[in-house]
Amino acid sequence: MTPAQCRAARALIGWSQTSLANAAGMGLSTIVDHEKERRTISPDAVLAIRAALEQAGVSFLDKGDIAAGPGAALKPKS
């Protein structure tokens, strides 16, 4: 999950960085640093962030899924 995907995913569900940090069980600085590309966060942290966003209804499009490249979308409601 790229920093841009993280920002887009939060925007789709209306979450603040604080909301995401709480949902992912990590500090706010980790979210801020990832989204602003200040430092590379651990793969485990990326997985926790992604899992929290997916649990909230976000689906991630990885490189190659669409012609435009990586992205994020809301999962269809069932």
C-alpha atoms as a PDB file:
ATOM      1  CA  MET A   1       0.000   0.000   0.000  1.00  0.00           C
ATOM      2  CA  THR A   2       1.492   3.275  -1.108  1.00  0.00           C
ATOM      3  CA  PRO A   3       1.269   6.481   0.943  1.00  0.00           C
ATOM      4  CA  ALA A   4      -1.106   7.898  -1.694  1.00  0.00           C
ATOM      5  CA  GLN A   5      -3.352   4.840  -1.409  1.00  0.00           C
ATOM      6  CA  CYS A   6      -3.422   5.287   2.343  1.00  0.00           C
ATOM      7  CA  ARG A   7      -4.476   8.935   2.040  1.00  0.00           C
ATOM      8  CA  ALA A   8      -7.094   8.087  -0.590  1.00  0.00           C
ATOM      9  CA  ALA A   9      -8.497   5.227   1.474  1.00  0.00           C
ATOM     10  CA  ARG A  10      -8.905   7.468   4.510  1.00  0.00           C
ATOM     11  CA  ALA A  11     -10.661  10.075   2.386  1.00  0.00           C
ATOM     12  CA  LEU A  12     -13.076   7.479   0.997  1.00  0.00           C
ATOM     13  CA  ILE A  13     -14.289   6.516   4.463  1.00  0.00           C
ATOM     14  CA  GLY A  14     -13.901   9.940   6.097  1.00  0.00           C
ATOM     15  CA  TRP A  15     -11.261   8.912   8.632  1.00  0.00           C
ATOM     16  CA  SER A  16      -8.691  11.214  10.158  1.00  0.00           C
ATOM     17  CA  GLN A  17      -5.123  10.066  10.650  1.00  0.00           C
ATOM     18  CA  THR A  18      -5.949   9.667  14.344  1.00  0.00           C
ATOM     19  CA  SER A  19      -8.910   7.407  13.547  1.00  0.00           C
ATOM     20  CA  LEU A  20      -6.710   5.222  11.372  1.00  0.00           C
ATOM     21  CA  ALA A  21      -3.975   5.050  14.004  1.00  0.00           C
ATOM     22  CA  ASN A  22      -6.516   3.923  16.596  1.00  0.00           C
ATOM     23  CA  ALA A  23      -8.078   1.338  14.283  1.00  0.00           C
ATOM     24  CA  ALA A  24      -4.668  -0.048  13.298  1.00  0.00           C
ATOM     25  CA  GLY A  25      -3.406  -0.079  16.894  1.00  0.00           C
ATOM     26  CA  MET A  26      -0.406   2.149  16.354  1.00  0.00           C
ATOM     27  CA  GLY A  27       0.845   5.626  17.045  1.00  0.00           C
ATOM     28  CA  LEU A  28      -0.281   8.642  15.069  1.00  0.00           C
ATOM     29  CA  SER A  29       3.320   9.421  14.095  1.00  0.00           C
ATOM     30  CA  THR A  30       3.533   6.136  12.175  1.00  0.00           C
ATOM     31  CA  ILE A  31       0.535   7.086  10.031  1.00  0.00           C
ATOM     32  CA  VAL A  32       1.800  10.633   9.490  1.00  0.00           C
ATOM     33  CA  ASP A  33       5.306   9.474   8.598  1.00  0.00           C
ATOM     34  CA  HIS A  34       4.001   6.883   6.132  1.00  0.00           C
ATOM     35  CA  GLU A  35       1.582   9.242   4.387  1.00  0.00           C
ATOM     36  CA  LYS A  36       4.145  12.056   4.153  1.00  0.00           C
ATOM     37  CA  GLU A  37       6.898   9.605   3.151  1.00  0.00           C
ATOM     38  CA  ARG A  38       9.129  10.819   5.983  1.00  0.00           C
ATOM     39  CA  ARG A  39      10.402   7.313   6.648  1.00  0.00           C
ATOM     40  CA  THR A  40       9.776   3.758   5.600  1.00  0.00           C
ATOM     41  CA  ILE A  41       7.555   2.000   8.119  1.00  0.00           C
ATOM     42  CA  SER A  42       7.772  -1.704   8.826  1.00  0.00           C
ATOM     43  CA  PRO A  43       5.971  -4.213   6.604  1.00  0.00           C
ATOM     44  CA  ASP A  44       3.956  -5.295   9.665  1.00  0.00           C
ATOM     45  CA  ALA A  45       2.781  -1.720  10.198  1.00  0.00           C
ATOM     46  CA  VAL A  46       1.717  -1.440   6.546  1.00  0.00           C
ATOM     47  CA  LEU A  47      -0.235  -4.693   6.870  1.00  0.00           C
ATOM     48  CA  ALA A  48      -1.970  -3.463  10.040  1.00  0.00           C
ATOM     49  CA  ILE A  49      -2.931  -0.170   8.392  1.00  0.00           C
ATOM     50  CA  ARG A  50      -4.194  -1.931   5.285  1.00  0.00           C
ATOM     51  CA  ALA A  51      -6.185  -4.440   7.353  1.00  0.00           C
ATOM     52  CA  ALA A  52      -7.854  -1.644   9.335  1.00  0.00           C
ATOM     53  CA  LEU A  53      -8.834   0.161   6.141  1.00  0.00           C
ATOM     54  CA  GLU A  54     -10.093  -3.028   4.493  1.00  0.00           C
ATOM     55  CA  GLN A  55     -12.154  -3.829   7.600  1.00  0.00           C
ATOM     56  CA  ALA A  56     -13.724  -0.374   7.235  1.00  0.00           C
ATOM     57  CA  GLY A  57     -14.766  -1.096   3.650  1.00  0.00           C
ATOM     58  CA  VAL A  58     -11.835  -0.117   1.448  1.00  0.00           C
ATOM     59  CA  SER A  59     -10.578  -2.268  -1.398  1.00  0.00           C
ATOM     60  CA  PHE A  60      -7.077  -1.724  -2.735  1.00  0.00           C
ATOM     61  CA  LEU A  61      -6.174  -1.812  -6.410  1.00  0.00           C
ATOM     62  CA  ASP A  62      -2.607  -2.868  -6.905  1.00  0.00           C
ATOM     63  CA  LYS A  63      -0.358  -2.046  -9.838  1.00  0.00           C
ATOM     64  CA  GLY A  64      -1.692  -3.887 -12.849  1.00  0.00           C
ATOM     65  CA  ASP A  65      -5.304  -4.093 -11.611  1.00  0.00           C
ATOM     66  CA  ILE A  66      -6.221  -1.096 -13.737  1.00  0.00           C
ATOM     67  CA  ALA A  67      -4.411   0.809 -16.432  1.00  0.00           C
ATOM     68  CA  ALA A  68      -3.929   3.846 -14.185  1.00  0.00           C
ATOM     69  CA  GLY A  69      -1.933   1.981 -11.534  1.00  0.00           C
ATOM     70  CA  PRO A  70      -2.445   1.577  -7.790  1.00  0.00           C
ATOM     71  CA  GLY A  71      -5.525   3.016  -6.132  1.00  0.00           C
ATOM     72  CA  ALA A  72      -8.289   2.523  -3.586  1.00  0.00           C
ATOM     73  CA  ALA A  73     -12.055   2.070  -3.859  1.00  0.00           C
ATOM     74  CA  LEU A  74     -14.990   1.354  -1.617  1.00  0.00           C
ATOM     75  CA  LYS A  75     -16.086  -2.267  -1.484  1.00  0.00           C
ATOM     76  CA  PRO A  76     -19.585  -2.828  -2.834  1.00  0.00           C
ATOM     77  CA  LYS A  77     -22.148  -3.114  -0.050  1.00  0.00           C
ATOM     78  CA  SER A  78     -23.770  -6.522   0.078  1.00  0.00           C
END
